[in-house]
N, C-alpha and C. Protein backbone atom coordinates (compact mmCIF):
# COMPACT_ATOMS: atom_id res chain seq x y z
N UNK A 1 15.97 48.66 0.35
CA UNK A 1 16.90 47.59 -0.28
C UNK A 1 18.14 48.34 -0.59
N UNK A 2 19.21 47.66 -0.19
CA UNK A 2 20.61 48.19 -0.25
C UNK A 2 20.90 48.22 -1.88
N UNK A 3 21.99 48.94 -2.11
CA UNK A 3 22.36 48.90 -3.60
C UNK A 3 22.99 47.58 -3.99
N UNK A 4 23.66 47.03 -2.99
CA UNK A 4 24.13 45.58 -3.20
C UNK A 4 23.11 44.55 -3.54
N UNK A 5 22.01 44.58 -2.74
CA UNK A 5 20.82 43.70 -2.84
C UNK A 5 20.15 43.99 -4.06
N UNK A 6 19.99 45.29 -4.64
CA UNK A 6 19.45 45.57 -5.89
C UNK A 6 20.23 44.97 -6.97
N UNK A 7 21.57 45.06 -6.90
CA UNK A 7 22.44 44.63 -7.96
C UNK A 7 22.28 43.06 -8.14
N UNK A 8 22.16 42.37 -6.88
CA UNK A 8 21.85 40.94 -6.92
C UNK A 8 20.53 40.46 -7.43
N UNK A 9 19.57 41.32 -7.18
CA UNK A 9 18.08 40.90 -7.52
C UNK A 9 17.81 40.94 -9.04
N UNK A 10 18.70 41.81 -9.72
CA UNK A 10 18.35 41.96 -11.20
C UNK A 10 18.74 40.69 -11.95
N UNK A 11 20.00 40.23 -11.62
CA UNK A 11 20.44 38.97 -12.32
C UNK A 11 19.61 37.69 -11.79
N UNK A 12 19.11 37.85 -10.57
CA UNK A 12 18.39 36.65 -9.93
C UNK A 12 17.07 36.63 -10.67
N UNK A 13 16.46 37.77 -10.94
CA UNK A 13 15.08 37.73 -11.49
C UNK A 13 15.18 37.39 -12.91
N UNK A 14 16.31 37.86 -13.61
CA UNK A 14 16.52 37.42 -15.04
C UNK A 14 16.69 35.91 -15.30
N UNK A 15 17.56 35.40 -14.29
CA UNK A 15 17.65 33.90 -14.18
C UNK A 15 16.41 33.12 -14.03
N UNK A 16 15.48 33.54 -12.93
CA UNK A 16 14.22 32.94 -12.69
C UNK A 16 13.31 32.92 -14.02
N UNK A 17 13.37 34.06 -14.68
CA UNK A 17 12.57 34.32 -15.90
C UNK A 17 12.94 33.28 -16.98
N UNK A 18 14.29 33.12 -17.12
CA UNK A 18 14.63 32.31 -18.03
C UNK A 18 14.51 30.69 -17.78
N UNK A 19 14.31 30.38 -16.52
CA UNK A 19 14.01 29.04 -16.13
C UNK A 19 12.50 28.78 -16.45
N UNK A 20 11.73 29.93 -16.25
CA UNK A 20 10.24 29.78 -16.54
C UNK A 20 10.07 29.53 -18.11
N UNK A 21 10.81 30.29 -18.83
CA UNK A 21 10.75 30.11 -20.36
C UNK A 21 11.18 28.79 -20.77
N UNK A 22 12.36 28.24 -20.12
CA UNK A 22 12.73 26.98 -20.46
C UNK A 22 11.70 25.95 -20.01
N UNK A 23 11.26 25.99 -18.94
CA UNK A 23 10.44 25.15 -18.49
C UNK A 23 9.02 24.97 -19.34
N UNK A 24 8.59 26.11 -19.82
CA UNK A 24 7.35 26.14 -20.68
C UNK A 24 7.79 25.45 -22.02
N UNK A 25 9.02 25.81 -22.58
CA UNK A 25 9.45 25.16 -23.77
C UNK A 25 9.64 23.58 -23.63
N UNK A 26 10.11 23.25 -22.54
CA UNK A 26 10.20 21.73 -22.29
C UNK A 26 8.83 21.04 -22.32
N UNK A 27 7.95 21.77 -21.74
CA UNK A 27 6.54 21.16 -21.50
C UNK A 27 5.92 20.97 -22.98
N UNK A 28 6.21 22.14 -23.79
CA UNK A 28 5.57 21.94 -25.08
C UNK A 28 6.25 20.96 -25.85
N UNK A 29 7.62 20.84 -25.81
CA UNK A 29 8.40 19.94 -26.64
C UNK A 29 7.99 18.41 -26.32
N UNK A 30 7.85 18.19 -24.95
CA UNK A 30 7.50 16.77 -24.52
C UNK A 30 6.19 16.45 -24.44
N UNK A 31 5.22 17.18 -24.96
CA UNK A 31 3.76 16.98 -25.05
C UNK A 31 3.65 15.79 -25.84
N UNK A 32 2.88 14.86 -25.40
CA UNK A 32 2.64 13.54 -26.15
C UNK A 32 1.66 13.85 -27.51
N UNK A 33 1.01 14.94 -27.49
CA UNK A 33 0.05 15.03 -28.66
C UNK A 33 0.77 15.84 -29.79
N UNK A 34 0.25 16.84 -30.47
CA UNK A 34 0.78 17.55 -31.34
C UNK A 34 1.87 18.58 -30.79
N UNK A 35 2.79 18.96 -31.68
CA UNK A 35 3.75 19.93 -31.25
C UNK A 35 3.66 20.94 -32.42
N UNK A 36 3.62 22.15 -32.03
CA UNK A 36 3.54 23.27 -32.96
C UNK A 36 4.78 23.37 -33.67
N UNK A 37 4.86 23.17 -35.10
CA UNK A 37 5.85 23.34 -35.89
C UNK A 37 6.62 24.74 -35.84
N UNK A 38 7.81 24.89 -36.08
CA UNK A 38 8.43 26.16 -36.20
C UNK A 38 7.53 27.17 -37.11
N UNK A 39 7.28 28.30 -36.66
CA UNK A 39 6.56 29.22 -37.61
C UNK A 39 5.15 28.74 -37.96
N UNK A 40 4.68 28.00 -36.88
CA UNK A 40 3.37 27.46 -37.23
C UNK A 40 2.04 28.33 -37.75
N UNK A 41 2.14 29.56 -37.42
CA UNK A 41 1.22 30.49 -37.96
C UNK A 41 1.22 30.56 -39.47
N UNK A 42 0.12 30.39 -40.08
CA UNK A 42 0.04 30.62 -41.54
C UNK A 42 0.62 29.37 -42.25
N UNK A 43 0.68 28.14 -41.69
CA UNK A 43 1.17 27.00 -42.39
C UNK A 43 0.02 26.43 -43.16
N UNK A 44 0.22 26.03 -44.40
CA UNK A 44 -0.70 25.51 -45.33
C UNK A 44 -1.33 26.46 -46.24
N UNK A 45 -2.33 26.17 -47.04
CA UNK A 45 -2.94 27.09 -47.93
C UNK A 45 -3.27 26.48 -49.19
N UNK A 46 -3.67 27.22 -50.11
CA UNK A 46 -4.14 26.88 -51.40
C UNK A 46 -3.09 26.01 -52.36
N UNK A 47 -3.47 25.05 -52.92
CA UNK A 47 -2.43 24.42 -53.89
C UNK A 47 -3.27 23.68 -54.99
N UNK A 48 -2.58 23.40 -56.19
CA UNK A 48 -3.05 22.80 -57.17
C UNK A 48 -2.03 21.75 -57.70
N UNK A 49 -2.33 20.46 -57.30
CA UNK A 49 -1.30 19.45 -57.82
C UNK A 49 -1.97 18.32 -58.39
N UNK A 50 -1.14 17.32 -58.91
CA UNK A 50 -1.57 16.15 -59.57
C UNK A 50 -1.58 14.91 -58.81
N UNK A 51 -2.72 14.14 -58.53
CA UNK A 51 -2.92 12.95 -57.81
C UNK A 51 -2.16 11.82 -58.63
N UNK A 52 -1.83 10.79 -57.92
CA UNK A 52 -1.11 9.46 -58.59
C UNK A 52 -1.90 8.92 -59.69
N UNK A 53 -3.27 9.18 -59.72
CA UNK A 53 -4.09 8.70 -60.79
C UNK A 53 -4.08 9.66 -61.91
N UNK A 54 -3.45 10.75 -61.85
CA UNK A 54 -3.34 11.77 -63.01
C UNK A 54 -4.46 12.88 -62.85
N UNK A 55 -5.33 12.89 -61.88
CA UNK A 55 -6.24 13.89 -61.67
C UNK A 55 -5.65 15.06 -60.97
N UNK A 56 -6.17 16.28 -61.36
CA UNK A 56 -5.68 17.50 -60.67
C UNK A 56 -6.64 17.79 -59.52
N UNK A 57 -6.03 18.11 -58.52
CA UNK A 57 -6.67 18.43 -57.21
C UNK A 57 -6.26 19.62 -56.56
N UNK A 58 -7.10 20.24 -55.79
CA UNK A 58 -6.73 21.34 -54.87
C UNK A 58 -6.98 21.07 -53.40
N UNK A 59 -6.58 21.93 -52.51
CA UNK A 59 -6.73 21.68 -51.21
C UNK A 59 -8.30 21.53 -50.87
N UNK A 60 -9.17 22.14 -51.69
CA UNK A 60 -10.68 21.99 -51.43
C UNK A 60 -11.28 20.64 -51.63
N UNK A 61 -10.40 19.71 -52.44
CA UNK A 61 -10.78 18.38 -52.45
C UNK A 61 -10.66 17.62 -51.10
N UNK A 62 -9.99 18.01 -50.08
CA UNK A 62 -9.71 17.33 -48.96
C UNK A 62 -10.50 17.91 -47.73
N UNK A 63 -11.33 19.04 -47.97
CA UNK A 63 -12.07 19.71 -46.98
C UNK A 63 -13.28 18.80 -46.51
N UNK A 64 -13.53 19.06 -45.26
CA UNK A 64 -14.56 18.02 -44.54
C UNK A 64 -14.06 17.11 -43.56
N UNK A 65 -12.75 16.82 -43.66
CA UNK A 65 -12.24 15.74 -42.78
C UNK A 65 -10.78 16.25 -42.51
N UNK A 66 -10.21 15.79 -41.31
CA UNK A 66 -8.83 16.16 -41.11
C UNK A 66 -8.03 15.41 -42.14
N UNK A 67 -6.80 15.75 -42.27
CA UNK A 67 -5.90 15.17 -43.04
C UNK A 67 -4.52 15.44 -42.72
N UNK A 68 -3.57 14.53 -43.06
CA UNK A 68 -2.24 14.55 -42.83
C UNK A 68 -1.32 14.99 -44.05
N UNK A 69 -0.13 15.64 -43.80
CA UNK A 69 0.47 16.12 -44.88
C UNK A 69 1.96 15.69 -44.69
N UNK A 70 2.60 15.03 -45.51
CA UNK A 70 4.02 14.62 -45.36
C UNK A 70 4.72 14.78 -46.69
N UNK A 71 5.92 15.51 -46.56
CA UNK A 71 6.68 15.80 -47.84
C UNK A 71 7.84 14.82 -47.80
N UNK A 72 7.97 14.14 -49.12
CA UNK A 72 9.00 13.14 -49.05
C UNK A 72 9.22 12.77 -50.69
N UNK A 73 9.82 11.66 -50.91
CA UNK A 73 10.05 11.36 -52.30
C UNK A 73 10.22 9.85 -52.44
N UNK A 74 10.06 9.23 -53.59
CA UNK A 74 9.99 7.66 -53.67
C UNK A 74 11.30 7.13 -53.74
N UNK A 75 12.51 7.81 -53.88
CA UNK A 75 13.83 7.31 -53.93
C UNK A 75 14.29 7.28 -52.47
N UNK A 76 13.49 7.86 -51.54
CA UNK A 76 14.08 8.01 -50.16
C UNK A 76 14.39 6.54 -49.60
N UNK A 77 15.55 6.42 -48.95
CA UNK A 77 16.02 5.06 -48.47
C UNK A 77 15.43 4.71 -47.08
N UNK A 78 14.90 5.59 -46.34
CA UNK A 78 14.54 5.19 -45.08
C UNK A 78 13.37 5.97 -44.34
N UNK A 79 13.57 7.21 -44.28
CA UNK A 79 12.62 7.96 -43.39
C UNK A 79 11.17 8.12 -44.20
N UNK A 80 11.02 8.19 -45.55
CA UNK A 80 9.82 8.24 -46.04
C UNK A 80 8.96 6.82 -45.93
N UNK A 81 9.64 5.77 -46.37
CA UNK A 81 8.81 4.49 -46.22
C UNK A 81 8.39 4.21 -44.90
N UNK A 82 9.40 4.48 -43.86
CA UNK A 82 9.06 4.20 -42.51
C UNK A 82 7.82 5.13 -41.95
N UNK A 83 7.90 6.28 -42.34
CA UNK A 83 6.79 7.25 -42.09
C UNK A 83 5.53 6.88 -42.65
N UNK A 84 5.55 6.43 -43.99
CA UNK A 84 4.28 6.07 -44.71
C UNK A 84 3.83 4.70 -44.12
N UNK A 85 4.62 3.94 -43.75
CA UNK A 85 4.16 2.63 -42.93
C UNK A 85 3.49 2.98 -41.56
N UNK A 86 4.08 3.96 -40.91
CA UNK A 86 3.50 4.34 -39.54
C UNK A 86 2.16 5.14 -39.77
N UNK A 87 2.03 5.96 -40.77
CA UNK A 87 0.72 6.58 -41.20
C UNK A 87 -0.17 5.63 -41.58
N UNK A 88 0.20 4.55 -42.26
CA UNK A 88 -0.72 3.47 -42.75
C UNK A 88 -1.39 2.76 -41.51
N UNK A 89 -0.44 2.52 -40.50
CA UNK A 89 -0.87 1.77 -39.29
C UNK A 89 -1.83 2.68 -38.43
N UNK A 90 -1.70 3.96 -38.53
CA UNK A 90 -2.65 4.93 -37.84
C UNK A 90 -4.04 4.82 -38.54
N UNK A 91 -4.13 4.88 -39.91
CA UNK A 91 -5.14 4.98 -40.76
C UNK A 91 -5.82 3.50 -40.48
N UNK A 92 -5.26 2.44 -40.54
CA UNK A 92 -5.76 1.13 -40.27
C UNK A 92 -6.38 1.17 -38.90
N UNK A 93 -5.82 1.89 -37.94
CA UNK A 93 -6.28 1.72 -36.49
C UNK A 93 -7.59 2.61 -36.36
N UNK A 94 -7.52 3.69 -37.35
CA UNK A 94 -8.81 4.53 -37.49
C UNK A 94 -10.05 3.80 -37.86
N UNK A 95 -9.91 2.77 -38.67
CA UNK A 95 -10.91 2.06 -39.26
C UNK A 95 -11.95 2.69 -39.96
N UNK A 96 -13.23 2.26 -39.97
CA UNK A 96 -14.37 2.95 -40.74
C UNK A 96 -14.67 4.35 -40.19
N UNK A 97 -14.38 4.66 -38.88
CA UNK A 97 -14.63 5.91 -38.35
C UNK A 97 -13.79 7.01 -39.21
N UNK A 98 -12.53 6.48 -39.70
CA UNK A 98 -11.62 7.34 -40.37
C UNK A 98 -11.54 7.14 -41.88
N UNK A 99 -12.81 6.59 -42.41
CA UNK A 99 -12.67 6.34 -43.84
C UNK A 99 -12.63 7.61 -44.66
N UNK A 100 -12.92 8.71 -44.14
CA UNK A 100 -12.83 10.16 -44.90
C UNK A 100 -11.61 10.78 -44.65
N UNK A 101 -10.75 10.30 -43.66
CA UNK A 101 -9.41 10.88 -43.45
C UNK A 101 -8.50 10.61 -44.47
N UNK A 102 -7.69 11.42 -44.96
CA UNK A 102 -6.56 11.27 -45.90
C UNK A 102 -5.24 11.60 -45.38
N UNK A 103 -4.17 11.06 -46.06
CA UNK A 103 -2.86 11.56 -45.71
C UNK A 103 -2.22 11.81 -47.18
N UNK A 104 -1.64 13.00 -47.18
CA UNK A 104 -1.03 13.51 -48.51
C UNK A 104 0.29 13.40 -48.46
N UNK A 105 0.91 12.62 -49.34
CA UNK A 105 2.33 12.50 -49.45
C UNK A 105 2.70 13.31 -50.73
N UNK A 106 3.35 14.50 -50.52
CA UNK A 106 3.64 15.36 -51.47
C UNK A 106 5.11 15.21 -51.87
N UNK A 107 5.47 14.94 -53.07
CA UNK A 107 6.81 14.75 -53.41
C UNK A 107 7.64 16.06 -53.37
N UNK A 108 8.81 15.94 -53.12
CA UNK A 108 9.79 17.16 -53.17
C UNK A 108 10.67 16.74 -54.39
N UNK A 109 10.43 15.79 -55.25
CA UNK A 109 11.26 15.31 -56.26
C UNK A 109 10.39 15.12 -57.49
N UNK A 110 9.67 16.18 -57.96
CA UNK A 110 8.69 16.01 -59.14
C UNK A 110 9.62 15.51 -60.44
N UNK A 111 10.76 15.76 -60.57
CA UNK A 111 11.63 15.39 -61.70
C UNK A 111 11.46 13.87 -61.81
N UNK A 112 11.56 13.09 -60.78
CA UNK A 112 11.44 11.55 -60.97
C UNK A 112 10.02 11.07 -60.59
N UNK A 113 9.30 11.78 -59.68
CA UNK A 113 8.14 11.27 -58.94
C UNK A 113 6.85 11.71 -59.90
N UNK A 114 6.75 11.11 -61.08
CA UNK A 114 5.59 11.25 -61.87
C UNK A 114 4.32 10.50 -61.23
N UNK A 115 3.18 10.88 -61.76
CA UNK A 115 2.01 10.19 -61.18
C UNK A 115 2.05 8.61 -61.18
N UNK A 116 2.49 8.08 -62.29
CA UNK A 116 2.83 6.74 -62.42
C UNK A 116 3.83 6.14 -61.38
N UNK A 117 4.87 6.86 -61.16
CA UNK A 117 5.85 6.34 -60.21
C UNK A 117 5.21 6.41 -58.82
N UNK A 118 4.47 7.50 -58.47
CA UNK A 118 3.86 7.49 -57.09
C UNK A 118 2.88 6.51 -56.94
N UNK A 119 2.05 6.19 -58.05
CA UNK A 119 0.84 5.14 -57.88
C UNK A 119 1.54 3.92 -57.56
N UNK A 120 2.64 3.54 -58.25
CA UNK A 120 3.36 2.24 -58.02
C UNK A 120 4.06 2.28 -56.58
N UNK A 121 4.63 3.31 -56.22
CA UNK A 121 5.18 3.28 -54.89
C UNK A 121 4.23 3.22 -53.84
N UNK A 122 3.09 3.95 -53.89
CA UNK A 122 2.07 3.98 -52.85
C UNK A 122 1.12 2.68 -52.73
N UNK A 123 1.47 1.83 -53.80
CA UNK A 123 0.61 0.53 -53.83
C UNK A 123 0.89 -0.32 -52.47
N UNK A 124 2.02 -0.04 -51.90
CA UNK A 124 2.45 -0.77 -50.64
C UNK A 124 1.92 -0.28 -49.36
N UNK A 125 1.10 0.84 -49.45
CA UNK A 125 0.77 1.58 -48.33
C UNK A 125 -0.88 1.65 -48.23
N UNK A 126 -1.35 2.10 -47.11
CA UNK A 126 -2.91 2.39 -47.02
C UNK A 126 -3.41 3.21 -48.26
N UNK A 127 -4.54 2.81 -48.71
CA UNK A 127 -5.35 3.39 -49.91
C UNK A 127 -5.56 4.83 -49.63
N UNK A 128 -5.84 5.21 -48.39
CA UNK A 128 -6.09 6.49 -48.11
C UNK A 128 -4.98 7.51 -48.16
N UNK A 129 -3.57 7.02 -48.44
CA UNK A 129 -2.63 7.88 -48.68
C UNK A 129 -2.59 8.28 -50.14
N UNK A 130 -2.67 9.63 -50.35
CA UNK A 130 -2.84 10.27 -51.65
C UNK A 130 -1.50 10.87 -52.20
N UNK A 131 -0.81 10.21 -53.27
CA UNK A 131 0.38 10.87 -53.54
C UNK A 131 0.07 12.13 -54.52
N UNK A 132 0.85 13.10 -54.35
CA UNK A 132 0.76 14.30 -55.11
C UNK A 132 2.04 14.81 -55.72
N UNK A 133 1.94 15.23 -56.96
CA UNK A 133 3.18 15.74 -57.57
C UNK A 133 2.65 16.88 -58.47
N UNK A 134 3.57 17.52 -59.22
CA UNK A 134 3.21 18.63 -60.07
C UNK A 134 4.54 19.23 -60.61
N UNK A 135 4.41 20.37 -61.25
CA UNK A 135 5.60 20.98 -61.69
C UNK A 135 6.43 21.49 -60.68
N UNK A 136 7.78 21.72 -60.92
CA UNK A 136 8.72 22.26 -60.02
C UNK A 136 8.20 23.39 -59.18
N UNK A 137 7.50 24.30 -60.08
CA UNK A 137 7.05 25.60 -59.52
C UNK A 137 5.88 25.35 -58.46
N UNK A 138 4.87 24.38 -58.85
CA UNK A 138 3.86 23.97 -58.10
C UNK A 138 4.35 23.33 -56.64
N UNK A 139 5.48 22.56 -56.79
CA UNK A 139 5.92 21.91 -55.66
C UNK A 139 6.57 22.92 -54.72
N UNK A 140 7.35 23.73 -55.32
CA UNK A 140 8.05 24.85 -54.53
C UNK A 140 6.99 25.71 -53.68
N UNK A 141 5.91 25.96 -54.40
CA UNK A 141 4.82 26.83 -53.87
C UNK A 141 4.12 26.10 -52.59
N UNK A 142 3.91 24.85 -52.85
CA UNK A 142 3.28 24.24 -51.68
C UNK A 142 4.24 23.85 -50.56
N UNK A 143 5.36 23.64 -50.88
CA UNK A 143 6.44 23.55 -49.82
C UNK A 143 6.62 24.95 -49.03
N UNK A 144 6.71 25.86 -49.87
CA UNK A 144 6.78 27.22 -49.16
C UNK A 144 5.59 27.52 -48.14
N UNK A 145 4.38 27.12 -48.75
CA UNK A 145 3.13 27.40 -47.97
C UNK A 145 3.09 26.57 -46.55
N UNK A 146 3.86 25.44 -46.70
CA UNK A 146 3.85 24.47 -45.45
C UNK A 146 5.11 24.84 -44.60
N UNK A 147 5.89 25.79 -45.10
CA UNK A 147 7.30 26.10 -44.33
C UNK A 147 8.09 24.82 -44.32
N UNK A 148 7.97 23.99 -45.49
CA UNK A 148 8.78 22.88 -45.59
C UNK A 148 10.17 23.07 -46.35
N UNK A 149 11.09 22.42 -45.95
CA UNK A 149 12.50 22.52 -46.47
C UNK A 149 12.70 21.41 -47.51
N UNK A 150 13.33 21.61 -48.62
CA UNK A 150 13.75 20.53 -49.49
C UNK A 150 14.89 21.02 -50.27
N UNK A 151 15.93 20.22 -50.55
CA UNK A 151 17.13 20.51 -51.31
C UNK A 151 17.67 19.29 -51.90
N UNK A 152 18.07 19.52 -53.25
CA UNK A 152 18.65 18.42 -53.88
C UNK A 152 20.19 18.27 -53.50
N UNK A 153 20.59 16.89 -53.24
CA UNK A 153 21.97 16.64 -52.76
C UNK A 153 22.68 15.81 -53.68
N UNK A 154 23.43 16.20 -54.54
CA UNK A 154 24.25 15.42 -55.46
C UNK A 154 25.06 14.25 -54.74
N UNK A 155 25.05 13.18 -55.45
CA UNK A 155 25.71 11.91 -55.13
C UNK A 155 27.03 11.73 -55.92
N UNK A 156 27.96 10.92 -55.37
CA UNK A 156 29.22 10.79 -56.03
C UNK A 156 28.96 9.96 -57.47
N UNK A 157 28.03 9.22 -57.70
CA UNK A 157 27.76 8.41 -58.76
C UNK A 157 27.09 9.40 -59.91
N UNK A 158 26.69 10.52 -59.66
CA UNK A 158 26.15 11.34 -60.58
C UNK A 158 24.68 11.62 -60.38
N UNK A 159 24.11 10.67 -59.56
CA UNK A 159 22.77 10.89 -59.23
C UNK A 159 22.46 11.91 -58.14
N UNK A 160 21.27 11.80 -57.33
CA UNK A 160 21.16 12.82 -56.36
C UNK A 160 20.06 12.23 -55.35
N UNK A 161 20.03 12.73 -54.19
CA UNK A 161 19.03 12.38 -53.15
C UNK A 161 18.39 13.83 -52.70
N UNK A 162 17.32 13.74 -51.89
CA UNK A 162 16.70 15.03 -51.44
C UNK A 162 16.87 15.07 -49.90
N UNK A 163 17.34 16.14 -49.42
CA UNK A 163 17.20 16.45 -47.99
C UNK A 163 15.94 17.14 -47.90
N UNK A 164 15.03 16.85 -46.87
CA UNK A 164 13.76 17.41 -46.67
C UNK A 164 13.12 17.46 -45.29
N UNK A 165 12.17 18.27 -45.06
CA UNK A 165 11.50 18.31 -43.86
C UNK A 165 10.77 16.88 -43.65
N UNK A 166 10.99 16.36 -42.29
CA UNK A 166 10.25 15.18 -41.89
C UNK A 166 8.92 15.23 -41.20
N UNK A 167 8.59 16.45 -40.99
CA UNK A 167 7.29 16.69 -40.02
C UNK A 167 6.07 16.03 -40.83
N UNK A 168 5.20 15.56 -39.90
CA UNK A 168 3.86 15.16 -40.41
C UNK A 168 2.96 16.21 -39.98
N UNK A 169 2.23 16.94 -40.98
CA UNK A 169 1.45 18.09 -40.49
C UNK A 169 0.07 17.55 -40.32
N UNK A 170 -0.63 17.96 -39.27
CA UNK A 170 -2.12 17.73 -39.09
C UNK A 170 -2.90 18.91 -39.37
N UNK A 171 -3.72 18.72 -40.36
CA UNK A 171 -4.59 19.86 -40.77
C UNK A 171 -6.12 19.43 -40.33
N UNK A 172 -6.89 20.40 -39.90
CA UNK A 172 -8.20 20.12 -39.43
C UNK A 172 -9.18 20.05 -40.61
N UNK A 173 -10.50 19.81 -40.35
CA UNK A 173 -11.41 19.53 -41.50
C UNK A 173 -11.70 20.89 -42.31
N UNK A 174 -11.16 21.96 -41.90
CA UNK A 174 -11.22 23.21 -42.67
C UNK A 174 -10.02 23.50 -43.28
N UNK A 175 -9.11 22.61 -43.21
CA UNK A 175 -7.70 22.81 -43.79
C UNK A 175 -6.67 23.68 -43.06
N UNK A 176 -7.07 23.90 -41.78
CA UNK A 176 -6.13 24.79 -40.87
C UNK A 176 -5.27 23.92 -40.25
N UNK A 177 -4.01 24.49 -40.09
CA UNK A 177 -2.94 23.72 -39.28
C UNK A 177 -3.14 23.52 -37.95
N UNK A 178 -2.99 22.35 -37.36
CA UNK A 178 -3.31 22.03 -35.90
C UNK A 178 -1.91 21.91 -35.31
N UNK A 179 -1.02 21.18 -35.96
CA UNK A 179 0.29 20.91 -35.32
C UNK A 179 1.02 19.79 -35.91
N UNK A 180 2.23 19.49 -35.56
CA UNK A 180 3.00 18.45 -36.17
C UNK A 180 2.36 17.12 -35.30
N UNK A 181 2.06 16.02 -36.22
CA UNK A 181 1.33 14.98 -35.72
C UNK A 181 2.44 13.93 -35.24
N UNK A 182 2.22 13.48 -34.07
CA UNK A 182 3.11 12.50 -33.27
C UNK A 182 2.84 11.07 -33.71
N UNK A 183 3.87 10.43 -34.43
CA UNK A 183 3.71 9.11 -34.58
C UNK A 183 4.39 8.15 -33.79
N UNK A 184 5.14 8.74 -32.86
CA UNK A 184 5.79 7.89 -31.93
C UNK A 184 5.17 7.51 -30.70
N UNK A 185 4.06 6.96 -30.96
CA UNK A 185 3.02 6.25 -30.03
C UNK A 185 2.38 5.25 -30.73
N UNK A 186 1.48 4.48 -29.92
CA UNK A 186 0.71 3.31 -30.57
C UNK A 186 -0.20 3.93 -31.59
N UNK A 187 -0.33 3.10 -32.70
CA UNK A 187 -1.31 3.44 -33.61
C UNK A 187 -2.85 3.81 -33.17
N UNK A 188 -3.19 3.07 -32.18
CA UNK A 188 -4.53 3.16 -31.60
C UNK A 188 -4.61 4.48 -30.99
N UNK A 189 -3.64 4.99 -30.25
CA UNK A 189 -3.66 6.24 -29.56
C UNK A 189 -3.46 7.32 -30.59
N UNK A 190 -2.72 7.27 -31.59
CA UNK A 190 -2.64 8.32 -32.69
C UNK A 190 -3.98 8.47 -33.42
N UNK A 191 -4.50 7.22 -33.67
CA UNK A 191 -5.81 7.33 -34.35
C UNK A 191 -6.87 8.02 -33.61
N UNK A 192 -6.95 7.62 -32.28
CA UNK A 192 -7.80 8.45 -31.47
C UNK A 192 -7.72 9.92 -31.56
N UNK A 193 -6.48 10.30 -31.51
CA UNK A 193 -6.20 11.77 -31.41
C UNK A 193 -6.54 12.27 -32.84
N UNK A 194 -6.31 11.59 -34.03
CA UNK A 194 -6.79 12.11 -35.32
C UNK A 194 -8.18 12.22 -35.37
N UNK A 195 -8.88 11.16 -34.90
CA UNK A 195 -10.45 11.20 -35.16
C UNK A 195 -11.11 12.31 -34.24
N UNK A 196 -10.40 12.95 -33.36
CA UNK A 196 -10.99 14.07 -32.64
C UNK A 196 -11.27 15.26 -33.49
N UNK A 197 -10.62 15.31 -34.64
CA UNK A 197 -10.86 16.32 -35.56
C UNK A 197 -11.88 16.25 -36.56
N UNK A 198 -12.62 15.04 -36.46
CA UNK A 198 -13.67 14.89 -37.57
C UNK A 198 -14.81 15.63 -37.24
């Protein structure tokens, strides 16, 4: 091979390798099932939080069946109620087969989201959605364990809103992270996918 051919071969090989990496990334990103969240390894872990009925629970209380985890807050104007409605539709579609499945709605706004507030708010959604709150330190710890982002954003009127991760996490029956759960499909299809982890 001539020197000129060798000089052309190196950039061409790098270009082709880049195309392969890009193609693999696109296949993963466009997959209809779960998508691995950024930094997926080590997502989840032990927590101690307070349920909307005032009972203290840990991650062990949800062992034995798959569960979904979503971080949000009750003052959320759009993303949270929409997601909770979609999760409710999936749980409804799961029917009796999914009676042990739970979805954990973990607040990122413990200052306002007391157990009583969570209970009232979640009354509009499927009863298998469990509202969880706790001290700011406990919420920070569980958000860190799930690699979730949350930040208080001041409003002009003196109040505030919360910017937060909108991923729905799928955990298996042993509490291990499977991937982000895709709600952008029919409830029946999503329910069949969820029930595979029973």
